[in-house]
Amino acid sequence: MDVTPLIPAGRKLIDAYGDGGFRVSGERFAGSILLFPDRVLPWAARVFADVDRDALAPFVGLTPAVEILLIGCGARMELVPPSLRRELREVGLVIDAMDTGAACRTYNVLLAEERRVAAALIAVT
């Protein structure tokens, strides 16, 4: 029995991560990325300290809104400062921070469930 999740055409699925970048739907991206179900953008963040409200601004005000924003913190999980979490909630973003590997796997699962998920992923080597 095939248990491969059915992903709607045009959706961006993470195939791999590591070696300083990502492979998304067969395409290689060097460095950190902002990932939406339908597109991938380069992201300047290199370490978790680079993650602030401005760095996550591309996720604000989307239609339809992002249901959950995953933050891939790099090689290990980091705690999001309460002030940043509060600022993001005020603009409608619910975030979940975890190491980048866990964020990649979680993104794929939520995408397969047709949730409105997006991710800000810091590249790992």
Protein backbone atom coordinates (compact mmCIF):
# COMPACT_ATOMS: atom_id res chain seq x y z
CA MET A 1 0.00 0.00 0.00
CA ASP A 2 1.34 3.40 -0.99
CA VAL A 3 1.42 5.79 1.98
CA THR A 4 2.96 8.75 0.14
CA PRO A 5 0.96 11.86 1.01
CA LEU A 6 -0.92 13.47 -1.85
CA ILE A 7 0.31 17.01 -2.31
CA PRO A 8 -1.73 19.26 -4.61
CA ALA A 9 0.05 20.30 -7.81
CA GLY A 10 2.09 23.46 -7.49
CA ARG A 11 2.72 23.08 -3.76
CA LYS A 12 6.31 23.43 -2.55
CA LEU A 13 7.43 20.30 -0.67
CA ILE A 14 10.78 20.10 1.12
CA ASP A 15 12.82 17.24 -0.34
CA ALA A 16 16.01 17.75 1.69
CA TYR A 17 17.92 20.17 3.89
CA GLY A 18 21.53 20.55 4.97
CA ASP A 19 24.86 21.41 3.34
CA GLY A 20 23.96 25.10 3.71
CA GLY A 21 20.64 25.03 1.90
CA PHE A 22 17.48 23.20 0.88
CA ARG A 23 15.99 21.20 -1.99
CA VAL A 24 12.35 22.18 -2.46
CA SER A 25 10.23 20.42 -5.08
CA GLY A 26 13.39 19.30 -6.85
CA GLU A 27 15.06 22.74 -6.91
CA ARG A 28 18.19 23.56 -4.85
CA PHE A 29 18.27 26.77 -2.79
CA ALA A 30 21.51 27.90 -1.16
CA GLY A 31 21.20 29.61 2.22
CA SER A 32 18.17 30.32 4.37
CA ILE A 33 14.68 30.54 2.85
CA LEU A 34 11.16 31.79 3.40
CA LEU A 35 8.81 29.03 2.29
CA PHE A 36 5.21 29.45 1.25
CA PRO A 37 3.02 26.67 -0.15
CA ASP A 38 3.42 28.16 -3.65
CA ARG A 39 6.84 29.85 -3.65
CA VAL A 40 10.30 30.05 -2.09
CA LEU A 41 12.17 33.27 -1.35
CA PRO A 42 15.78 33.76 -0.25
CA TRP A 43 16.13 34.93 3.36
CA ALA A 44 18.99 36.98 4.82
CA ALA A 45 18.81 35.33 8.28
CA ARG A 46 21.92 33.26 9.01
CA VAL A 47 21.51 32.76 12.78
CA PHE A 48 18.53 32.86 15.11
CA ALA A 49 19.54 36.30 16.40
CA ASP A 50 18.65 37.62 12.90
CA VAL A 51 14.99 36.64 13.38
CA ASP A 52 12.85 39.64 14.30
CA ARG A 53 9.54 41.16 13.27
CA ASP A 54 11.07 42.78 10.17
CA ALA A 55 12.66 39.50 9.07
CA LEU A 56 9.22 37.84 9.23
CA ALA A 57 7.31 40.73 7.60
CA PRO A 58 6.73 38.83 4.30
CA PHE A 59 4.27 36.58 6.17
CA VAL A 60 2.13 39.45 7.46
CA GLY A 61 -1.15 40.33 5.73
CA LEU A 62 -1.34 37.39 3.34
CA THR A 63 -4.67 36.30 1.91
CA PRO A 64 -5.48 33.69 2.95
CA ALA A 65 -3.63 34.24 6.20
CA VAL A 66 -0.93 31.87 7.37
CA GLU A 67 -2.44 29.54 9.96
CA ILE A 68 0.92 28.60 11.45
CA LEU A 69 4.41 29.91 10.79
CA LEU A 70 7.20 27.47 11.51
CA ILE A 71 10.59 28.91 12.36
CA GLY A 72 13.55 26.63 11.70
CA CYS A 73 16.11 27.99 14.17
CA GLY A 74 19.15 26.23 12.73
CA ALA A 75 20.90 23.19 14.18
CA ARG A 76 19.10 23.50 17.49
CA MET A 77 15.84 24.87 18.79
CA GLU A 78 15.86 28.37 20.28
CA LEU A 79 13.36 30.13 22.50
CA VAL A 80 11.47 32.96 20.85
CA PRO A 81 11.56 36.04 23.09
CA PRO A 82 8.09 36.68 24.57
CA SER A 83 8.11 40.23 23.18
CA LEU A 84 8.62 38.95 19.61
CA ARG A 85 5.99 36.25 20.05
CA ARG A 86 3.55 38.94 21.29
CA GLU A 87 4.37 41.33 18.41
CA LEU A 88 3.77 38.58 15.87
CA ARG A 89 0.52 37.49 17.47
CA GLU A 90 -0.68 41.12 17.30
CA VAL A 91 -0.28 41.01 13.50
CA GLY A 92 -2.00 37.62 13.27
CA LEU A 93 0.98 35.25 13.16
CA VAL A 94 1.03 32.13 15.31
CA ILE A 95 4.57 30.78 15.39
CA ASP A 96 6.20 27.53 16.38
CA ALA A 97 9.99 27.49 16.67
CA MET A 98 12.07 24.31 16.42
CA ASP A 99 15.34 23.13 14.92
CA THR A 100 15.42 23.37 11.13
CA GLY A 101 15.15 19.61 10.55
CA ALA A 102 12.03 19.35 12.68
CA ALA A 103 10.56 22.43 10.97
CA CYS A 104 11.11 20.85 7.53
CA ARG A 105 9.39 17.61 8.54
CA THR A 106 6.53 19.43 10.27
CA TYR A 107 6.02 21.72 7.27
CA ASN A 108 5.64 18.72 4.95
CA VAL A 109 3.12 17.02 7.26
CA LEU A 110 1.02 20.18 7.65
CA LEU A 111 1.16 20.84 3.91
CA ALA A 112 -0.09 17.29 3.24
CA GLU A 113 -2.95 18.00 5.67
CA GLU A 114 -3.79 21.07 3.55
CA ARG A 115 -3.13 23.46 6.43
CA ARG A 116 -2.18 27.06 5.68
CA VAL A 117 1.45 26.65 6.74
CA ALA A 118 4.57 28.65 5.92
CA ALA A 119 8.14 28.45 7.18
CA ALA A 120 11.16 30.64 7.83
CA LEU A 121 14.11 28.25 7.68
CA ILE A 122 17.70 28.96 8.69
CA ALA A 123 20.10 26.82 6.66
CA VAL A 124 22.27 24.25 8.45
CA THR A 125 25.50 22.62 7.31
